[in-house]
């Protein structure tokens, strides 16, 4: 049986954004619940909710990620606190542009991620949407105050010992048939 903690309502903070769909659908840009911050699907919009970068996958991905960073900042976190992203794109053949934007933003602290191709998004000119989950942890150990290790050093700092190879079973002798 899994232990789970009830989060009192006072620990839940709803953070509105600027997307014109928020009041229509009834959602928050981000919700901070305990140590986690969930950022809703975010697209390439400006402060007034207008689309930026029509037809430009990289521009839309980069702007959407910047909008994620803005929502996180309002929750007291940074992009370095993101532990999970989910990306939705209308054309995954443009992966290079998507990957470039994601890597530029998250390269020093790569989160778990997934990319899903969708037929279309809420606006016909939107090509990209991203949602994120960030870990707030202990407020005293804010991400803004702690330095990151370079990505390569973090991955190679302590290599696990190689596992011994499993022994292959001895070959079976062919059974003789009786005639």
N, C-alpha and C. Protein backbone atom coordinates (compact mmCIF):
# COMPACT_ATOMS: atom_id res chain seq x y z
N UNK A 1 0.84 -1.18 0.00
CA UNK A 1 0.00 0.00 0.00
C UNK A 1 0.89 1.25 0.00
N UNK A 2 0.60 2.20 -0.83
CA UNK A 2 1.39 3.43 -0.93
C UNK A 2 0.94 4.45 0.11
N UNK A 3 1.93 5.08 0.71
CA UNK A 3 1.61 6.17 1.63
C UNK A 3 1.33 7.41 0.79
N UNK A 4 0.38 8.17 1.18
CA UNK A 4 0.13 9.41 0.45
C UNK A 4 -0.29 10.48 1.43
N UNK A 5 0.08 11.68 1.09
CA UNK A 5 -0.12 12.81 2.00
C UNK A 5 -1.26 13.67 1.49
N UNK A 6 -2.16 14.01 2.36
CA UNK A 6 -3.21 14.95 1.99
C UNK A 6 -2.65 16.36 2.03
N UNK A 7 -2.93 17.14 1.01
CA UNK A 7 -2.44 18.51 0.95
C UNK A 7 -3.57 19.44 1.35
N UNK A 8 -3.41 20.16 2.47
CA UNK A 8 -4.46 21.10 2.88
C UNK A 8 -4.68 22.16 1.81
N UNK A 9 -5.90 22.65 1.69
CA UNK A 9 -6.23 23.66 0.68
C UNK A 9 -5.33 24.89 0.77
N UNK A 10 -4.87 25.24 1.97
CA UNK A 10 -4.03 26.43 2.09
C UNK A 10 -2.69 26.23 1.42
N UNK A 11 -2.32 24.97 1.14
CA UNK A 11 -1.07 24.71 0.45
C UNK A 11 -1.24 24.67 -1.07
N UNK A 12 -2.44 24.90 -1.53
CA UNK A 12 -2.70 24.90 -2.97
C UNK A 12 -2.84 26.34 -3.42
N UNK A 13 -1.99 26.74 -4.36
CA UNK A 13 -2.01 28.10 -4.89
C UNK A 13 -2.27 28.02 -6.38
N UNK A 14 -3.27 28.74 -6.84
CA UNK A 14 -3.62 28.76 -8.27
C UNK A 14 -3.09 30.06 -8.88
N UNK A 15 -2.35 29.90 -9.97
CA UNK A 15 -1.70 31.05 -10.59
C UNK A 15 -2.29 31.26 -11.98
N UNK A 16 -3.01 32.37 -12.19
CA UNK A 16 -3.61 32.61 -13.51
C UNK A 16 -2.56 33.07 -14.51
N UNK A 17 -2.90 32.95 -15.77
CA UNK A 17 -2.02 33.41 -16.85
C UNK A 17 -2.75 34.39 -17.74
N UNK A 18 -2.34 34.43 -19.01
CA UNK A 18 -2.94 35.41 -19.92
C UNK A 18 -3.63 34.77 -21.13
N UNK A 19 -3.71 33.46 -21.18
CA UNK A 19 -4.34 32.82 -22.33
C UNK A 19 -5.83 33.10 -22.35
N UNK A 20 -6.37 33.44 -23.51
CA UNK A 20 -7.79 33.75 -23.59
C UNK A 20 -8.69 32.55 -23.28
N UNK A 21 -8.14 31.33 -23.32
CA UNK A 21 -8.93 30.12 -23.08
C UNK A 21 -9.09 29.81 -21.60
N UNK A 22 -8.28 30.40 -20.73
CA UNK A 22 -8.35 30.07 -19.30
C UNK A 22 -9.74 30.30 -18.71
N UNK A 23 -10.35 31.48 -18.88
CA UNK A 23 -11.69 31.66 -18.30
C UNK A 23 -12.77 30.86 -19.02
N UNK A 24 -12.57 30.58 -20.29
CA UNK A 24 -13.56 29.82 -21.07
C UNK A 24 -13.59 28.37 -20.61
N UNK A 25 -12.39 27.77 -20.48
CA UNK A 25 -12.28 26.37 -20.10
C UNK A 25 -12.35 26.20 -18.59
N UNK A 26 -11.85 27.19 -17.84
CA UNK A 26 -11.85 27.12 -16.39
C UNK A 26 -10.62 26.41 -15.85
N UNK A 27 -9.45 26.93 -16.16
CA UNK A 27 -8.22 26.34 -15.64
C UNK A 27 -7.24 27.43 -15.24
N UNK A 28 -6.21 27.04 -14.50
CA UNK A 28 -5.16 27.97 -14.08
C UNK A 28 -3.91 27.71 -14.91
N UNK A 29 -3.12 28.74 -15.12
CA UNK A 29 -1.85 28.57 -15.84
C UNK A 29 -0.96 27.60 -15.08
N UNK A 30 -0.93 27.76 -13.75
CA UNK A 30 -0.13 26.86 -12.91
C UNK A 30 -0.85 26.65 -11.59
N UNK A 31 -0.56 25.51 -10.97
CA UNK A 31 -1.10 25.21 -9.65
C UNK A 31 0.05 24.66 -8.81
N UNK A 32 0.28 25.31 -7.67
CA UNK A 32 1.29 24.84 -6.73
C UNK A 32 0.56 24.06 -5.66
N UNK A 33 0.91 22.79 -5.53
CA UNK A 33 0.29 21.91 -4.54
C UNK A 33 1.41 21.25 -3.75
N UNK A 34 1.63 21.73 -2.54
CA UNK A 34 2.72 21.20 -1.74
C UNK A 34 4.06 21.52 -2.39
N UNK A 35 4.85 20.48 -2.63
CA UNK A 35 6.18 20.64 -3.22
C UNK A 35 6.19 20.63 -4.74
N UNK A 36 5.03 20.48 -5.35
CA UNK A 36 4.97 20.39 -6.81
C UNK A 36 4.25 21.58 -7.41
N UNK A 37 4.70 21.97 -8.59
CA UNK A 37 4.02 23.01 -9.37
C UNK A 37 3.71 22.40 -10.73
N UNK A 38 2.43 22.41 -11.09
CA UNK A 38 1.97 21.88 -12.36
C UNK A 38 1.65 23.05 -13.27
N UNK A 39 2.30 23.12 -14.42
CA UNK A 39 2.04 24.20 -15.37
C UNK A 39 1.22 23.61 -16.52
N UNK A 40 0.06 24.21 -16.77
CA UNK A 40 -0.84 23.75 -17.82
C UNK A 40 -0.20 23.83 -19.19
N UNK A 41 -0.82 23.16 -20.15
CA UNK A 41 -0.36 23.25 -21.53
C UNK A 41 -0.19 24.71 -21.91
N UNK A 42 0.99 25.03 -22.39
CA UNK A 42 1.37 26.43 -22.65
C UNK A 42 1.82 26.57 -24.09
N UNK A 43 1.34 27.61 -24.73
CA UNK A 43 1.66 27.84 -26.14
C UNK A 43 2.41 29.16 -26.31
N UNK A 44 2.61 29.52 -27.54
CA UNK A 44 3.40 30.69 -27.90
C UNK A 44 2.52 31.94 -27.99
N UNK A 45 2.17 32.46 -26.82
CA UNK A 45 1.34 33.67 -26.81
C UNK A 45 2.07 34.80 -26.11
N UNK A 46 1.69 36.03 -26.45
CA UNK A 46 2.27 37.19 -25.78
C UNK A 46 1.44 37.54 -24.56
N UNK A 47 1.75 38.68 -23.92
CA UNK A 47 1.06 39.10 -22.70
C UNK A 47 -0.43 39.32 -22.90
N UNK A 48 -0.83 39.59 -24.13
CA UNK A 48 -2.25 39.83 -24.43
C UNK A 48 -2.96 38.59 -24.95
N UNK A 49 -2.24 37.47 -25.01
CA UNK A 49 -2.85 36.23 -25.49
C UNK A 49 -2.79 36.03 -26.99
N UNK A 50 -2.08 36.90 -27.71
CA UNK A 50 -1.96 36.77 -29.18
C UNK A 50 -0.83 35.79 -29.52
N UNK A 51 -1.07 35.00 -30.56
CA UNK A 51 -0.09 34.01 -31.01
C UNK A 51 1.17 34.69 -31.56
N UNK A 52 2.33 34.14 -31.23
CA UNK A 52 3.61 34.60 -31.75
C UNK A 52 4.23 33.48 -32.57
N UNK A 53 4.76 33.82 -33.75
CA UNK A 53 5.51 32.86 -34.56
C UNK A 53 4.69 31.92 -35.42
N UNK A 54 3.64 32.39 -36.04
CA UNK A 54 2.82 31.54 -36.91
C UNK A 54 3.71 30.88 -37.96
N UNK A 55 3.59 29.56 -38.07
CA UNK A 55 4.36 28.80 -39.05
C UNK A 55 5.80 28.52 -38.65
N UNK A 56 6.25 29.01 -37.51
CA UNK A 56 7.65 28.86 -37.09
C UNK A 56 7.75 27.98 -35.85
N UNK A 57 8.08 26.73 -36.04
CA UNK A 57 8.09 25.76 -34.94
C UNK A 57 9.08 26.17 -33.84
N UNK A 58 10.32 26.52 -34.20
CA UNK A 58 11.31 26.88 -33.18
C UNK A 58 10.85 28.10 -32.39
N UNK A 59 10.36 29.13 -33.07
CA UNK A 59 9.92 30.36 -32.40
C UNK A 59 8.78 30.03 -31.43
N UNK A 60 7.84 29.23 -31.87
CA UNK A 60 6.72 28.87 -30.99
C UNK A 60 7.18 28.04 -29.80
N UNK A 61 8.07 27.09 -30.04
CA UNK A 61 8.56 26.26 -28.93
C UNK A 61 9.32 27.11 -27.92
N UNK A 62 10.18 27.96 -28.41
CA UNK A 62 10.98 28.80 -27.52
C UNK A 62 10.09 29.75 -26.69
N UNK A 63 9.10 30.37 -27.34
CA UNK A 63 8.21 31.29 -26.64
C UNK A 63 7.35 30.55 -25.62
N UNK A 64 6.86 29.37 -25.98
CA UNK A 64 6.05 28.58 -25.04
C UNK A 64 6.87 28.22 -23.80
N UNK A 65 8.13 27.84 -24.01
CA UNK A 65 9.00 27.51 -22.88
C UNK A 65 9.27 28.76 -22.04
N UNK A 66 9.44 29.91 -22.69
CA UNK A 66 9.60 31.17 -21.95
C UNK A 66 8.36 31.46 -21.11
N UNK A 67 7.18 31.15 -21.65
CA UNK A 67 5.94 31.35 -20.90
C UNK A 67 5.86 30.39 -19.70
N UNK A 68 6.40 29.18 -19.85
CA UNK A 68 6.50 28.25 -18.72
C UNK A 68 7.38 28.87 -17.64
N UNK A 69 8.53 29.43 -18.07
CA UNK A 69 9.46 30.06 -17.11
C UNK A 69 8.80 31.21 -16.36
N UNK A 70 7.98 31.98 -17.06
CA UNK A 70 7.26 33.09 -16.42
C UNK A 70 6.29 32.58 -15.36
N UNK A 71 5.55 31.54 -15.69
CA UNK A 71 4.60 30.95 -14.72
C UNK A 71 5.35 30.41 -13.51
N UNK A 72 6.48 29.76 -13.74
CA UNK A 72 7.27 29.22 -12.64
C UNK A 72 7.81 30.34 -11.75
N UNK A 73 8.23 31.42 -12.37
CA UNK A 73 8.76 32.56 -11.61
C UNK A 73 7.67 33.10 -10.68
N UNK A 74 6.44 33.16 -11.18
CA UNK A 74 5.33 33.63 -10.36
C UNK A 74 5.06 32.70 -9.19
N UNK A 75 5.50 31.42 -9.32
CA UNK A 75 5.34 30.44 -8.24
C UNK A 75 6.59 30.38 -7.36
N UNK A 76 7.58 31.24 -7.67
CA UNK A 76 8.80 31.26 -6.87
C UNK A 76 9.85 30.26 -7.29
N UNK A 77 9.73 29.73 -8.51
CA UNK A 77 10.67 28.71 -9.01
C UNK A 77 11.31 29.17 -10.31
N UNK A 78 12.19 28.33 -10.83
CA UNK A 78 12.81 28.63 -12.12
C UNK A 78 12.73 27.41 -13.02
N UNK A 79 13.16 27.58 -14.24
CA UNK A 79 13.16 26.51 -15.23
C UNK A 79 14.03 25.34 -14.76
N UNK A 80 15.00 25.63 -13.91
CA UNK A 80 15.90 24.58 -13.40
C UNK A 80 15.20 23.65 -12.42
N UNK A 81 14.01 24.01 -11.96
CA UNK A 81 13.25 23.17 -11.03
C UNK A 81 12.33 22.19 -11.75
N UNK A 82 12.26 22.27 -13.08
CA UNK A 82 11.37 21.41 -13.86
C UNK A 82 11.90 19.98 -13.85
N UNK A 83 11.01 19.04 -13.50
CA UNK A 83 11.39 17.63 -13.46
C UNK A 83 10.71 16.82 -14.57
N UNK A 84 9.70 17.41 -15.23
CA UNK A 84 8.96 16.69 -16.27
C UNK A 84 8.36 17.68 -17.25
N UNK A 85 8.52 17.41 -18.54
CA UNK A 85 7.81 18.17 -19.57
C UNK A 85 7.08 17.19 -20.48
N UNK A 86 5.99 17.67 -21.03
CA UNK A 86 5.25 16.93 -22.06
C UNK A 86 5.05 17.92 -23.20
N UNK A 87 5.50 17.52 -24.38
CA UNK A 87 5.40 18.40 -25.54
C UNK A 87 4.43 17.82 -26.54
N UNK A 88 3.67 18.71 -27.16
CA UNK A 88 2.70 18.33 -28.18
C UNK A 88 3.01 19.15 -29.42
N UNK A 89 3.20 18.49 -30.54
CA UNK A 89 3.54 19.19 -31.78
C UNK A 89 2.67 18.67 -32.91
N UNK A 90 2.35 19.56 -33.83
CA UNK A 90 1.52 19.16 -34.96
C UNK A 90 2.33 18.51 -36.07
N UNK A 91 3.67 18.55 -35.96
CA UNK A 91 4.53 17.96 -36.99
C UNK A 91 5.85 17.53 -36.37
N UNK A 92 5.96 16.25 -35.97
CA UNK A 92 7.19 15.79 -35.32
C UNK A 92 8.35 15.63 -36.30
N UNK A 93 8.09 15.77 -37.58
CA UNK A 93 9.22 15.75 -38.52
C UNK A 93 10.09 17.00 -38.32
N UNK A 94 9.58 17.97 -37.57
CA UNK A 94 10.34 19.18 -37.24
C UNK A 94 11.00 19.06 -35.86
N UNK A 95 11.33 17.82 -35.51
CA UNK A 95 11.93 17.52 -34.21
C UNK A 95 13.18 18.34 -33.95
N UNK A 96 14.00 18.57 -34.94
CA UNK A 96 15.24 19.32 -34.73
C UNK A 96 14.96 20.70 -34.13
N UNK A 97 13.94 21.38 -34.63
CA UNK A 97 13.59 22.71 -34.11
C UNK A 97 13.06 22.62 -32.67
N UNK A 98 12.23 21.61 -32.43
CA UNK A 98 11.65 21.40 -31.10
C UNK A 98 12.77 21.07 -30.11
N UNK A 99 13.62 20.13 -30.49
CA UNK A 99 14.71 19.70 -29.62
C UNK A 99 15.66 20.85 -29.31
N UNK A 100 15.94 21.67 -30.30
CA UNK A 100 16.84 22.81 -30.08
C UNK A 100 16.28 23.75 -29.00
N UNK A 101 15.00 24.08 -29.10
CA UNK A 101 14.37 24.97 -28.13
C UNK A 101 14.37 24.34 -26.74
N UNK A 102 14.03 23.06 -26.65
CA UNK A 102 13.98 22.36 -25.36
C UNK A 102 15.38 22.27 -24.76
N UNK A 103 16.35 21.90 -25.56
CA UNK A 103 17.74 21.77 -25.09
C UNK A 103 18.30 23.10 -24.60
N UNK A 104 18.02 24.18 -25.33
CA UNK A 104 18.51 25.50 -24.92
C UNK A 104 17.96 25.90 -23.55
N UNK A 105 16.72 25.54 -23.29
CA UNK A 105 16.10 25.93 -22.01
C UNK A 105 16.46 24.97 -20.88
N UNK A 106 16.50 23.68 -21.16
CA UNK A 106 16.63 22.68 -20.10
C UNK A 106 17.95 21.90 -20.13
N UNK A 107 18.87 22.26 -21.01
CA UNK A 107 20.10 21.48 -21.20
C UNK A 107 20.94 21.30 -19.95
N UNK A 108 20.96 22.28 -19.05
CA UNK A 108 21.77 22.16 -17.83
C UNK A 108 21.11 21.29 -16.77
N UNK A 109 19.81 21.14 -16.84
CA UNK A 109 19.07 20.33 -15.87
C UNK A 109 17.95 19.61 -16.61
N UNK A 110 18.30 18.61 -17.43
CA UNK A 110 17.29 17.98 -18.29
C UNK A 110 16.21 17.24 -17.50
N UNK A 111 14.95 17.57 -17.77
CA UNK A 111 13.85 16.86 -17.11
C UNK A 111 13.49 15.59 -17.87
N UNK A 112 12.67 14.76 -17.27
CA UNK A 112 12.05 13.66 -18.01
C UNK A 112 11.10 14.33 -19.01
N UNK A 113 10.94 13.75 -20.18
CA UNK A 113 10.09 14.41 -21.16
C UNK A 113 9.47 13.41 -22.12
N UNK A 114 8.49 13.88 -22.84
CA UNK A 114 7.90 13.11 -23.93
C UNK A 114 7.43 14.10 -24.99
N UNK A 115 7.35 13.61 -26.20
CA UNK A 115 6.87 14.41 -27.33
C UNK A 115 5.81 13.60 -28.05
N UNK A 116 4.65 14.20 -28.22
CA UNK A 116 3.53 13.53 -28.86
C UNK A 116 3.09 14.36 -30.06
N UNK A 117 2.88 13.71 -31.19
CA UNK A 117 2.34 14.42 -32.34
C UNK A 117 0.82 14.42 -32.23
N UNK A 118 0.25 15.61 -32.44
CA UNK A 118 -1.20 15.77 -32.40
C UNK A 118 -1.68 16.32 -33.75
N UNK A 119 -2.92 16.08 -34.04
CA UNK A 119 -3.46 16.55 -35.31
C UNK A 119 -3.49 18.07 -35.38
N UNK A 120 -3.97 18.70 -34.30
CA UNK A 120 -3.96 20.16 -34.23
C UNK A 120 -4.13 20.60 -32.79
N UNK A 121 -3.88 21.89 -32.58
CA UNK A 121 -4.02 22.48 -31.24
C UNK A 121 -5.22 23.42 -31.24
N UNK A 122 -5.45 24.13 -30.16
CA UNK A 122 -6.65 24.94 -29.98
C UNK A 122 -6.80 26.06 -31.01
N UNK A 123 -5.70 26.55 -31.56
CA UNK A 123 -5.73 27.58 -32.60
C UNK A 123 -5.10 26.99 -33.85
N UNK A 124 -5.68 27.20 -35.03
CA UNK A 124 -5.16 26.56 -36.24
C UNK A 124 -3.71 26.91 -36.59
N UNK A 125 -3.19 28.04 -36.12
CA UNK A 125 -1.81 28.42 -36.42
C UNK A 125 -0.81 27.95 -35.36
N UNK A 126 -1.31 27.32 -34.31
CA UNK A 126 -0.40 26.82 -33.26
C UNK A 126 0.20 25.49 -33.71
N UNK A 127 1.52 25.39 -33.50
CA UNK A 127 2.26 24.20 -33.89
C UNK A 127 2.77 23.43 -32.68
N UNK A 128 2.86 24.09 -31.53
CA UNK A 128 3.56 23.51 -30.37
C UNK A 128 2.88 23.91 -29.06
N UNK A 129 2.85 22.97 -28.13
CA UNK A 129 2.36 23.22 -26.78
C UNK A 129 3.21 22.39 -25.82
N UNK A 130 3.42 22.91 -24.63
CA UNK A 130 4.23 22.20 -23.63
C UNK A 130 3.60 22.38 -22.26
N UNK A 131 3.65 21.33 -21.45
CA UNK A 131 3.26 21.43 -20.05
C UNK A 131 4.44 20.96 -19.21
N UNK A 132 4.46 21.37 -17.96
CA UNK A 132 5.61 21.06 -17.11
C UNK A 132 5.19 20.78 -15.68
N UNK A 133 6.02 20.01 -14.99
CA UNK A 133 5.90 19.79 -13.56
C UNK A 133 7.24 20.18 -12.96
N UNK A 134 7.20 21.01 -11.92
CA UNK A 134 8.42 21.44 -11.24
C UNK A 134 8.35 21.02 -9.78
N UNK A 135 9.51 20.81 -9.20
CA UNK A 135 9.63 20.41 -7.80
C UNK A 135 10.11 21.59 -6.98
N UNK A 136 9.30 21.99 -6.02
CA UNK A 136 9.65 23.13 -5.17
C UNK A 136 10.56 22.71 -4.03
N UNK A 137 10.39 21.49 -3.54
CA UNK A 137 11.24 21.00 -2.46
C UNK A 137 11.20 21.92 -1.26
N UNK A 138 12.30 22.01 -0.58
CA UNK A 138 12.42 22.87 0.59
C UNK A 138 12.60 24.30 0.12
N UNK A 139 11.74 25.18 0.56
CA UNK A 139 11.80 26.59 0.13
C UNK A 139 13.14 27.22 0.45
N UNK A 140 13.81 26.76 1.51
CA UNK A 140 15.11 27.32 1.88
C UNK A 140 16.19 26.93 0.88
N UNK A 141 15.98 25.84 0.17
CA UNK A 141 16.98 25.39 -0.81
C UNK A 141 16.50 25.72 -2.21
N UNK A 142 16.11 26.94 -2.42
CA UNK A 142 15.59 27.39 -3.72
C UNK A 142 16.60 27.16 -4.83
N UNK A 143 16.09 26.82 -6.01
CA UNK A 143 16.96 26.55 -7.15
C UNK A 143 17.77 27.76 -7.56
N UNK A 144 17.27 28.94 -7.28
CA UNK A 144 18.00 30.14 -7.66
C UNK A 144 19.30 30.24 -6.87
N UNK A 145 19.35 29.63 -5.67
CA UNK A 145 20.52 29.74 -4.82
C UNK A 145 21.51 28.60 -4.99
N UNK A 146 21.11 27.49 -5.62
CA UNK A 146 22.04 26.37 -5.71
C UNK A 146 22.61 26.25 -7.11
N UNK A 147 23.92 26.10 -7.21
CA UNK A 147 24.54 25.97 -8.53
C UNK A 147 24.30 24.58 -9.11
N UNK A 148 24.31 24.50 -10.42
CA UNK A 148 24.18 23.21 -11.10
C UNK A 148 25.53 22.71 -11.53
N UNK A 149 25.69 21.39 -11.53
CA UNK A 149 26.89 20.80 -12.12
C UNK A 149 26.72 20.85 -13.62
N UNK A 150 27.81 20.95 -14.37
CA UNK A 150 27.68 20.82 -15.81
C UNK A 150 27.03 19.47 -16.13
N UNK A 151 26.21 19.44 -17.17
CA UNK A 151 25.44 18.24 -17.49
C UNK A 151 26.34 17.03 -17.67
N UNK A 152 27.44 17.16 -18.38
CA UNK A 152 28.31 16.01 -18.62
C UNK A 152 28.93 15.52 -17.32
N UNK A 153 29.35 16.42 -16.46
CA UNK A 153 29.96 16.02 -15.19
C UNK A 153 28.94 15.33 -14.30
N UNK A 154 27.71 15.80 -14.31
CA UNK A 154 26.68 15.20 -13.47
C UNK A 154 26.39 13.77 -13.91
N UNK A 155 26.48 13.51 -15.20
CA UNK A 155 26.17 12.17 -15.69
C UNK A 155 27.32 11.20 -15.50
N UNK A 156 28.55 11.70 -15.43
CA UNK A 156 29.69 10.80 -15.38
C UNK A 156 30.42 10.85 -14.05
N UNK A 157 29.91 11.60 -13.07
CA UNK A 157 30.65 11.77 -11.83
C UNK A 157 30.90 10.46 -11.10
N UNK A 158 29.95 9.58 -11.00
CA UNK A 158 30.14 8.29 -10.36
C UNK A 158 29.51 7.23 -11.23
N UNK A 159 30.33 6.58 -12.00
CA UNK A 159 29.81 5.54 -12.87
C UNK A 159 29.58 4.28 -12.06
N UNK A 160 28.46 3.63 -12.27
CA UNK A 160 28.23 2.39 -11.55
C UNK A 160 29.21 1.32 -12.02
N UNK A 161 29.54 0.37 -11.14
CA UNK A 161 30.43 -0.72 -11.53
C UNK A 161 29.71 -1.57 -12.55
N UNK A 162 30.46 -2.04 -13.56
CA UNK A 162 29.80 -2.88 -14.56
C UNK A 162 29.30 -4.17 -13.93
N UNK A 163 28.16 -4.61 -14.38
CA UNK A 163 27.59 -5.86 -13.88
C UNK A 163 28.34 -7.04 -14.49
N UNK A 164 28.48 -8.11 -13.72
CA UNK A 164 29.08 -9.29 -14.33
C UNK A 164 28.11 -9.86 -15.35
N UNK A 165 28.68 -10.36 -16.42
CA UNK A 165 27.83 -10.94 -17.47
C UNK A 165 27.23 -12.25 -17.00
N UNK A 166 26.00 -12.44 -17.41
CA UNK A 166 25.35 -13.70 -17.08
C UNK A 166 25.98 -14.80 -17.92
N UNK A 167 26.15 -15.98 -17.31
CA UNK A 167 26.72 -17.09 -18.06
C UNK A 167 25.67 -17.63 -19.01
N UNK A 168 26.13 -17.95 -20.21
CA UNK A 168 25.21 -18.54 -21.18
C UNK A 168 25.03 -20.00 -20.82
N UNK A 169 23.82 -20.50 -20.97
CA UNK A 169 23.61 -21.92 -20.67
C UNK A 169 24.37 -22.78 -21.67
N UNK A 170 24.80 -23.94 -21.23
CA UNK A 170 25.51 -24.86 -22.13
C UNK A 170 24.56 -25.30 -23.22
N UNK A 171 25.09 -25.47 -24.43
CA UNK A 171 24.22 -25.89 -25.54
C UNK A 171 23.64 -27.27 -25.25
N UNK A 172 22.40 -27.45 -25.63
CA UNK A 172 21.73 -28.73 -25.42
C UNK A 172 22.17 -29.72 -26.49
N UNK A 173 22.27 -30.94 -26.06
CA UNK A 173 22.58 -32.00 -27.03
C UNK A 173 21.29 -32.34 -27.75
N UNK A 174 21.43 -32.55 -29.01
CA UNK A 174 20.26 -32.90 -29.82
C UNK A 174 19.74 -34.26 -29.37
N UNK A 175 18.46 -34.36 -29.20
CA UNK A 175 17.85 -35.63 -28.79
C UNK A 175 17.84 -36.58 -29.98
N UNK A 176 18.19 -37.83 -29.73
CA UNK A 176 18.18 -38.81 -30.81
C UNK A 176 16.77 -39.37 -30.98
N UNK A 177 16.40 -39.52 -32.21
CA UNK A 177 15.09 -40.11 -32.49
C UNK A 177 15.22 -41.60 -32.62
N UNK A 178 14.26 -42.30 -32.11
CA UNK A 178 14.24 -43.75 -32.28
C UNK A 178 13.54 -44.06 -33.60
N UNK A 179 14.10 -45.04 -34.28
CA UNK A 179 13.47 -45.43 -35.55
C UNK A 179 12.87 -46.78 -35.48
